[in-house]
Amino acid sequence: MADEIDLANDLIANEISRALKEIRQQSSEAVGTKFCVDCDDDMPIERQKLGFKRCVACASDAERKKLMYADE
């Protein structure tokens, strides 16, 4: 007979599995833009499939700026 902890663990495992399945499905359906929103360069198809809106260079720059101004 399963005790309450086993039941709770099963519930948690099922919820995690459901959430991961949903995230995987959303990411497979995601379509980013054909051009970077910052520099208008062509976006690599791999980044488009993952739903990114910025090229690697612009994404790195945006993240660096975000970190620089985070403390203000």
PDB file of N, CA and C in Angstrom:
ATOM      1  N   MET A   1       0.847  -1.186   0.000  1.00  0.00           N
ATOM      2  CA  MET A   1       0.000   0.000   0.000  1.00  0.00           C
ATOM      3  C   MET A   1       0.888   1.244   0.000  1.00  0.00           C
ATOM      4  N   ALA A   2       0.590   2.134  -0.891  1.00  0.00           N
ATOM      5  CA  ALA A   2       1.381   3.354  -1.023  1.00  0.00           C
ATOM      6  C   ALA A   2       1.026   4.333   0.086  1.00  0.00           C
ATOM      7  N   ASP A   3       2.056   4.906   0.663  1.00  0.00           N
ATOM      8  CA  ASP A   3       1.781   5.907   1.690  1.00  0.00           C
ATOM      9  C   ASP A   3       1.658   7.288   1.039  1.00  0.00           C
ATOM     10  N   GLU A   4       1.388   8.289   1.840  1.00  0.00           N
ATOM     11  CA  GLU A   4       1.150   9.640   1.329  1.00  0.00           C
ATOM     12  C   GLU A   4       2.361  10.213   0.594  1.00  0.00           C
ATOM     13  N   ILE A   5       3.548   9.897   1.077  1.00  0.00           N
ATOM     14  CA  ILE A   5       4.755  10.415   0.429  1.00  0.00           C
ATOM     15  C   ILE A   5       4.912   9.822  -0.968  1.00  0.00           C
ATOM     16  N   ASP A   6       4.652   8.513  -1.103  1.00  0.00           N
ATOM     17  CA  ASP A   6       4.720   7.883  -2.427  1.00  0.00           C
ATOM     18  C   ASP A   6       3.704   8.505  -3.379  1.00  0.00           C
ATOM     19  N   LEU A   7       2.506   8.739  -2.896  1.00  0.00           N
ATOM     20  CA  LEU A   7       1.468   9.351  -3.727  1.00  0.00           C
ATOM     21  C   LEU A   7       1.870  10.766  -4.149  1.00  0.00           C
ATOM     22  N   ALA A   8       2.436  11.511  -3.208  1.00  0.00           N
ATOM     23  CA  ALA A   8       2.881  12.869  -3.517  1.00  0.00           C
ATOM     24  C   ALA A   8       4.010  12.848  -4.549  1.00  0.00           C
ATOM     25  N   ASN A   9       4.954  11.915  -4.392  1.00  0.00           N
ATOM     26  CA  ASN A   9       6.050  11.799  -5.355  1.00  0.00           C
ATOM     27  C   ASN A   9       5.534  11.444  -6.744  1.00  0.00           C
ATOM     28  N   ASP A  10       4.564  10.549  -6.816  1.00  0.00           N
ATOM     29  CA  ASP A  10       3.965  10.190  -8.104  1.00  0.00           C
ATOM     30  C   ASP A  10       3.275  11.394  -8.738  1.00  0.00           C
ATOM     31  N   LEU A  11       2.559  12.150  -7.931  1.00  0.00           N
ATOM     32  CA  LEU A  11       1.870  13.338  -8.425  1.00  0.00           C
ATOM     33  C   LEU A  11       2.868  14.364  -8.966  1.00  0.00           C
ATOM     34  N   ILE A  12       3.944  14.573  -8.237  1.00  0.00           N
ATOM     35  CA  ILE A  12       4.975  15.519  -8.668  1.00  0.00           C
ATOM     36  C   ILE A  12       5.624  15.052  -9.969  1.00  0.00           C
ATOM     37  N   ALA A  13       5.961  13.772 -10.051  1.00  0.00           N
ATOM     38  CA  ALA A  13       6.586  13.230 -11.261  1.00  0.00           C
ATOM     39  C   ALA A  13       5.660  13.380 -12.466  1.00  0.00           C
ATOM     40  N   ASN A  14       4.380  13.117 -12.276  1.00  0.00           N
ATOM     41  CA  ASN A  14       3.414  13.262 -13.367  1.00  0.00           C
ATOM     42  C   ASN A  14       3.290  14.716 -13.807  1.00  0.00           C
ATOM     43  N   GLU A  15       3.280  15.627 -12.858  1.00  0.00           N
ATOM     44  CA  GLU A  15       3.163  17.051 -13.182  1.00  0.00           C
ATOM     45  C   GLU A  15       4.404  17.547 -13.927  1.00  0.00           C
ATOM     46  N   ILE A  16       5.572  17.108 -13.500  1.00  0.00           N
ATOM     47  CA  ILE A  16       6.810  17.490 -14.186  1.00  0.00           C
ATOM     48  C   ILE A  16       6.811  16.947 -15.610  1.00  0.00           C
ATOM     49  N   SER A  17       6.412  15.700 -15.786  1.00  0.00           N
ATOM     50  CA  SER A  17       6.355  15.099 -17.124  1.00  0.00           C
ATOM     51  C   SER A  17       5.391  15.858 -18.026  1.00  0.00           C
ATOM     52  N   ARG A  18       4.241  16.226 -17.485  1.00  0.00           N
ATOM     53  CA  ARG A  18       3.254  16.966 -18.265  1.00  0.00           C
ATOM     54  C   ARG A  18       3.803  18.325 -18.675  1.00  0.00           C
ATOM     55  N   ALA A  19       4.437  19.022 -17.729  1.00  0.00           N
ATOM     56  CA  ALA A  19       4.979  20.352 -18.011  1.00  0.00           C
ATOM     57  C   ALA A  19       6.097  20.285 -19.053  1.00  0.00           C
ATOM     58  N   LEU A  20       6.971  19.291 -18.945  1.00  0.00           N
ATOM     59  CA  LEU A  20       8.047  19.141 -19.919  1.00  0.00           C
ATOM     60  C   LEU A  20       7.505  18.831 -21.309  1.00  0.00           C
ATOM     61  N   LYS A  21       6.491  17.996 -21.372  1.00  0.00           N
ATOM     62  CA  LYS A  21       5.876  17.669 -22.662  1.00  0.00           C
ATOM     63  C   LYS A  21       5.281  18.924 -23.296  1.00  0.00           C
ATOM     64  N   GLU A  22       4.627  19.741 -22.489  1.00  0.00           N
ATOM     65  CA  GLU A  22       4.025  20.979 -22.989  1.00  0.00           C
ATOM     66  C   GLU A  22       5.094  21.946 -23.495  1.00  0.00           C
ATOM     67  N   ILE A  23       6.185  22.071 -22.751  1.00  0.00           N
ATOM     68  CA  ILE A  23       7.276  22.963 -23.148  1.00  0.00           C
ATOM     69  C   ILE A  23       7.909  22.484 -24.448  1.00  0.00           C
ATOM     70  N   ARG A  24       8.134  21.182 -24.561  1.00  0.00           N
ATOM     71  CA  ARG A  24       8.723  20.639 -25.791  1.00  0.00           C
ATOM     72  C   ARG A  24       7.817  20.890 -26.987  1.00  0.00           C
ATOM     73  N   GLN A  25       6.530  20.742 -26.783  1.00  0.00           N
ATOM     74  CA  GLN A  25       5.591  20.960 -27.882  1.00  0.00           C
ATOM     75  C   GLN A  25       5.585  22.433 -28.287  1.00  0.00           C
ATOM     76  N   GLN A  26       5.588  23.328 -27.310  1.00  0.00           N
ATOM     77  CA  GLN A  26       5.602  24.758 -27.616  1.00  0.00           C
ATOM     78  C   GLN A  26       6.871  25.142 -28.359  1.00  0.00           C
ATOM     79  N   SER A  27       8.014  24.593 -27.926  1.00  0.00           N
ATOM     80  CA  SER A  27       9.270  24.958 -28.582  1.00  0.00           C
ATOM     81  C   SER A  27       9.346  24.396 -29.994  1.00  0.00           C
ATOM     82  N   SER A  28       8.712  23.248 -30.236  1.00  0.00           N
ATOM     83  CA  SER A  28       8.730  22.701 -31.591  1.00  0.00           C
ATOM     84  C   SER A  28       7.813  23.495 -32.518  1.00  0.00           C
ATOM     85  N   GLU A  29       6.833  24.176 -31.947  1.00  0.00           N
ATOM     86  CA  GLU A  29       5.918  24.993 -32.734  1.00  0.00           C
ATOM     87  C   GLU A  29       6.393  26.432 -32.869  1.00  0.00           C
ATOM     88  N   ALA A  30       7.395  26.798 -32.071  1.00  0.00           N
ATOM     89  CA  ALA A  30       7.871  28.177 -32.062  1.00  0.00           C
ATOM     90  C   ALA A  30       8.530  28.520 -33.390  1.00  0.00           C
ATOM     91  N   VAL A  31       8.238  29.697 -33.849  1.00  0.00           N
ATOM     92  CA  VAL A  31       8.869  30.193 -35.067  1.00  0.00           C
ATOM     93  C   VAL A  31       9.307  31.620 -34.792  1.00  0.00           C
ATOM     94  N   GLY A  32      10.591  31.836 -34.901  1.00  0.00           N
ATOM     95  CA  GLY A  32      11.109  33.175 -34.680  1.00  0.00           C
ATOM     96  C   GLY A  32      10.966  34.009 -35.941  1.00  0.00           C
ATOM     97  N   THR A  33      11.574  35.148 -35.895  1.00  0.00           N
ATOM     98  CA  THR A  33      11.504  36.035 -37.044  1.00  0.00           C
ATOM     99  C   THR A  33      12.577  35.673 -38.060  1.00  0.00           C
ATOM    100  N   LYS A  34      12.352  36.051 -39.306  1.00  0.00           N
ATOM    101  CA  LYS A  34      13.320  35.778 -40.372  1.00  0.00           C
ATOM    102  C   LYS A  34      14.517  36.720 -40.276  1.00  0.00           C
ATOM    103  N   PHE A  35      14.298  37.896 -39.687  1.00  0.00           N
ATOM    104  CA  PHE A  35      15.352  38.888 -39.550  1.00  0.00           C
ATOM    105  C   PHE A  35      15.482  39.288 -38.081  1.00  0.00           C
ATOM    106  N   CYS A  36      16.703  39.592 -37.670  1.00  0.00           N
ATOM    107  CA  CYS A  36      16.970  40.052 -36.310  1.00  0.00           C
ATOM    108  C   CYS A  36      16.216  41.362 -36.065  1.00  0.00           C
ATOM    109  N   VAL A  37      15.565  41.478 -34.907  1.00  0.00           N
ATOM    110  CA  VAL A  37      14.784  42.680 -34.606  1.00  0.00           C
ATOM    111  C   VAL A  37      15.669  43.898 -34.344  1.00  0.00           C
ATOM    112  N   ASP A  38      16.949  43.671 -34.053  1.00  0.00           N
ATOM    113  CA  ASP A  38      17.842  44.791 -33.771  1.00  0.00           C
ATOM    114  C   ASP A  38      18.636  45.249 -34.991  1.00  0.00           C
ATOM    115  N   CYS A  39      19.239  44.314 -35.721  1.00  0.00           N
ATOM    116  CA  CYS A  39      20.136  44.705 -36.818  1.00  0.00           C
ATOM    117  C   CYS A  39      19.593  44.368 -38.206  1.00  0.00           C
ATOM    118  N   ASP A  40      18.452  43.711 -38.278  1.00  0.00           N
ATOM    119  CA  ASP A  40      17.809  43.330 -39.546  1.00  0.00           C
ATOM    120  C   ASP A  40      18.613  42.348 -40.399  1.00  0.00           C
ATOM    121  N   ASP A  41      19.629  41.702 -39.826  1.00  0.00           N
ATOM    122  CA  ASP A  41      20.342  40.652 -40.558  1.00  0.00           C
ATOM    123  C   ASP A  41      19.477  39.407 -40.625  1.00  0.00           C
ATOM    124  N   ASP A  42      19.752  38.564 -41.618  1.00  0.00           N
ATOM    125  CA  ASP A  42      19.047  37.286 -41.715  1.00  0.00           C
ATOM    126  C   ASP A  42      19.320  36.452 -40.470  1.00  0.00           C
ATOM    127  N   MET A  43      18.267  35.811 -39.977  1.00  0.00           N
ATOM    128  CA  MET A  43      18.409  34.922 -38.824  1.00  0.00           C
ATOM    129  C   MET A  43      18.697  33.513 -39.321  1.00  0.00           C
ATOM    130  N   PRO A  44      19.660  32.816 -38.714  1.00  0.00           N
ATOM    131  CA  PRO A  44      19.878  31.417 -39.082  1.00  0.00           C
ATOM    132  C   PRO A  44      18.604  30.603 -38.819  1.00  0.00           C
ATOM    133  N   ILE A  45      18.333  29.651 -39.680  1.00  0.00           N
ATOM    134  CA  ILE A  45      17.107  28.863 -39.577  1.00  0.00           C
ATOM    135  C   ILE A  45      17.004  28.150 -38.229  1.00  0.00           C
ATOM    136  N   GLU A  46      18.143  27.742 -37.669  1.00  0.00           N
ATOM    137  CA  GLU A  46      18.122  27.066 -36.371  1.00  0.00           C
ATOM    138  C   GLU A  46      17.573  27.987 -35.280  1.00  0.00           C
ATOM    139  N   ARG A  47      17.975  29.256 -35.320  1.00  0.00           N
ATOM    140  CA  ARG A  47      17.475  30.209 -34.319  1.00  0.00           C
ATOM    141  C   ARG A  47      16.006  30.520 -34.562  1.00  0.00           C
ATOM    142  N   GLN A  48      15.602  30.575 -35.825  1.00  0.00           N
ATOM    143  CA  GLN A  48      14.188  30.798 -36.138  1.00  0.00           C
ATOM    144  C   GLN A  48      13.334  29.676 -35.565  1.00  0.00           C
ATOM    145  N   LYS A  49      13.782  28.436 -35.754  1.00  0.00           N
ATOM    146  CA  LYS A  49      13.023  27.279 -35.267  1.00  0.00           C
ATOM    147  C   LYS A  49      12.879  27.295 -33.753  1.00  0.00           C
ATOM    148  N   LEU A  50      13.876  27.851 -33.066  1.00  0.00           N
ATOM    149  CA  LEU A  50      13.837  27.916 -31.608  1.00  0.00           C
ATOM    150  C   LEU A  50      13.066  29.127 -31.094  1.00  0.00           C
ATOM    151  N   GLY A  51      12.626  29.984 -32.000  1.00  0.00           N
ATOM    152  CA  GLY A  51      11.789  31.106 -31.613  1.00  0.00           C
ATOM    153  C   GLY A  51      12.531  32.368 -31.220  1.00  0.00           C
ATOM    154  N   PHE A  52      13.821  32.423 -31.500  1.00  0.00           N
ATOM    155  CA  PHE A  52      14.589  33.607 -31.141  1.00  0.00           C
ATOM    156  C   PHE A  52      14.237  34.784 -32.031  1.00  0.00           C
ATOM    157  N   LYS A  53      14.360  35.976 -31.488  1.00  0.00           N
ATOM    158  CA  LYS A  53      14.064  37.203 -32.218  1.00  0.00           C
ATOM    159  C   LYS A  53      15.329  37.976 -32.574  1.00  0.00           C
ATOM    160  N   ARG A  54      16.459  37.604 -31.949  1.00  0.00           N
ATOM    161  CA  ARG A  54      17.720  38.306 -32.184  1.00  0.00           C
ATOM    162  C   ARG A  54      18.792  37.326 -32.662  1.00  0.00           C
ATOM    163  N   CYS A  55      19.734  37.828 -33.469  1.00  0.00           N
ATOM    164  CA  CYS A  55      20.893  37.021 -33.854  1.00  0.00           C
ATOM    165  C   CYS A  55      21.788  36.863 -32.620  1.00  0.00           C
ATOM    166  N   VAL A  56      22.783  36.002 -32.724  1.00  0.00           N
ATOM    167  CA  VAL A  56      23.646  35.726 -31.575  1.00  0.00           C
ATOM    168  C   VAL A  56      24.353  36.989 -31.100  1.00  0.00           C
ATOM    169  N   ALA A  57      24.889  37.768 -32.029  1.00  0.00           N
ATOM    170  CA  ALA A  57      25.622  38.982 -31.651  1.00  0.00           C
ATOM    171  C   ALA A  57      24.717  39.975 -30.923  1.00  0.00           C
ATOM    172  N   CYS A  58      23.525  40.213 -31.453  1.00  0.00           N
ATOM    173  CA  CYS A  58      22.600  41.166 -30.824  1.00  0.00           C
ATOM    174  C   CYS A  58      22.047  40.626 -29.505  1.00  0.00           C
ATOM    175  N   ALA A  59      21.817  39.325 -29.435  1.00  0.00           N
ATOM    176  CA  ALA A  59      21.336  38.729 -28.189  1.00  0.00           C
ATOM    177  C   ALA A  59      22.393  38.860 -27.100  1.00  0.00           C
ATOM    178  N   SER A  60      23.656  38.635 -27.458  1.00  0.00           N
ATOM    179  CA  SER A  60      24.746  38.790 -26.490  1.00  0.00           C
ATOM    180  C   SER A  60      24.854  40.232 -26.026  1.00  0.00           C
ATOM    181  N   ASP A  61      24.742  41.156 -26.960  1.00  0.00           N
ATOM    182  CA  ASP A  61      24.809  42.581 -26.635  1.00  0.00           C
ATOM    183  C   ASP A  61      23.653  42.987 -25.722  1.00  0.00           C
ATOM    184  N   ALA A  62      22.452  42.526 -26.031  1.00  0.00           N
ATOM    185  CA  ALA A  62      21.279  42.859 -25.216  1.00  0.00           C
ATOM    186  C   ALA A  62      21.411  42.287 -23.807  1.00  0.00           C
ATOM    187  N   GLU A  63      21.941  41.064 -23.712  1.00  0.00           N
ATOM    188  CA  GLU A  63      22.119  40.457 -22.394  1.00  0.00           C
ATOM    189  C   GLU A  63      23.172  41.204 -21.590  1.00  0.00           C
ATOM    190  N   ARG A  64      24.257  41.611 -22.251  1.00  0.00           N
ATOM    191  CA  ARG A  64      25.308  42.363 -21.569  1.00  0.00           C
ATOM    192  C   ARG A  64      24.761  43.696 -21.047  1.00  0.00           C
ATOM    193  N   LYS A  65      23.974  44.395 -21.865  1.00  0.00           N
ATOM    194  CA  LYS A  65      23.376  45.666 -21.438  1.00  0.00           C
ATOM    195  C   LYS A  65      22.412  45.452 -20.283  1.00  0.00           C
ATOM    196  N   LYS A  66      21.640  44.386 -20.354  1.00  0.00           N
ATOM    197  CA  LYS A  66      20.688  44.084 -19.283  1.00  0.00           C
ATOM    198  C   LYS A  66      21.424  43.865 -17.964  1.00  0.00           C
ATOM    199  N   LEU A  67      22.540  43.142 -18.016  1.00  0.00           N
ATOM    200  CA  LEU A  67      23.319  42.893 -16.805  1.00  0.00           C
ATOM    201  C   LEU A  67      23.977  44.163 -16.284  1.00  0.00           C
ATOM    202  N   MET A  68      24.437  45.033 -17.192  1.00  0.00           N
ATOM    203  CA  MET A  68      25.091  46.278 -16.780  1.00  0.00           C
ATOM    204  C   MET A  68      24.127  47.195 -16.048  1.00  0.00           C
ATOM    205  N   TYR A  69      22.893  47.255 -16.509  1.00  0.00           N
ATOM    206  CA  TYR A  69      21.931  48.202 -15.949  1.00  0.00           C
ATOM    207  C   TYR A  69      20.977  47.562 -14.947  1.00  0.00           C
ATOM    208  N   ALA A  70      21.208  46.325 -14.576  1.00  0.00           N
ATOM    209  CA  ALA A  70      20.312  45.614 -13.663  1.00  0.00           C
ATOM    210  C   ALA A  70      20.344  46.202 -12.258  1.00  0.00           C
ATOM    211  N   ASP A  71      21.475  46.747 -11.848  1.00  0.00           N
ATOM    212  CA  ASP A  71      21.608  47.260 -10.484  1.00  0.00           C
ATOM    213  C   ASP A  71      21.058  48.663 -10.316  1.00  0.00           C
ATOM    214  N   GLU A  72      20.724  49.320 -11.399  1.00  0.00           N
ATOM    215  CA  GLU A  72      20.251  50.709 -11.301  1.00  0.00           C
ATOM    216  C   GLU A  72      18.802  50.784 -10.941  1.00  0.00           C
TER     217      GLU A  72
END
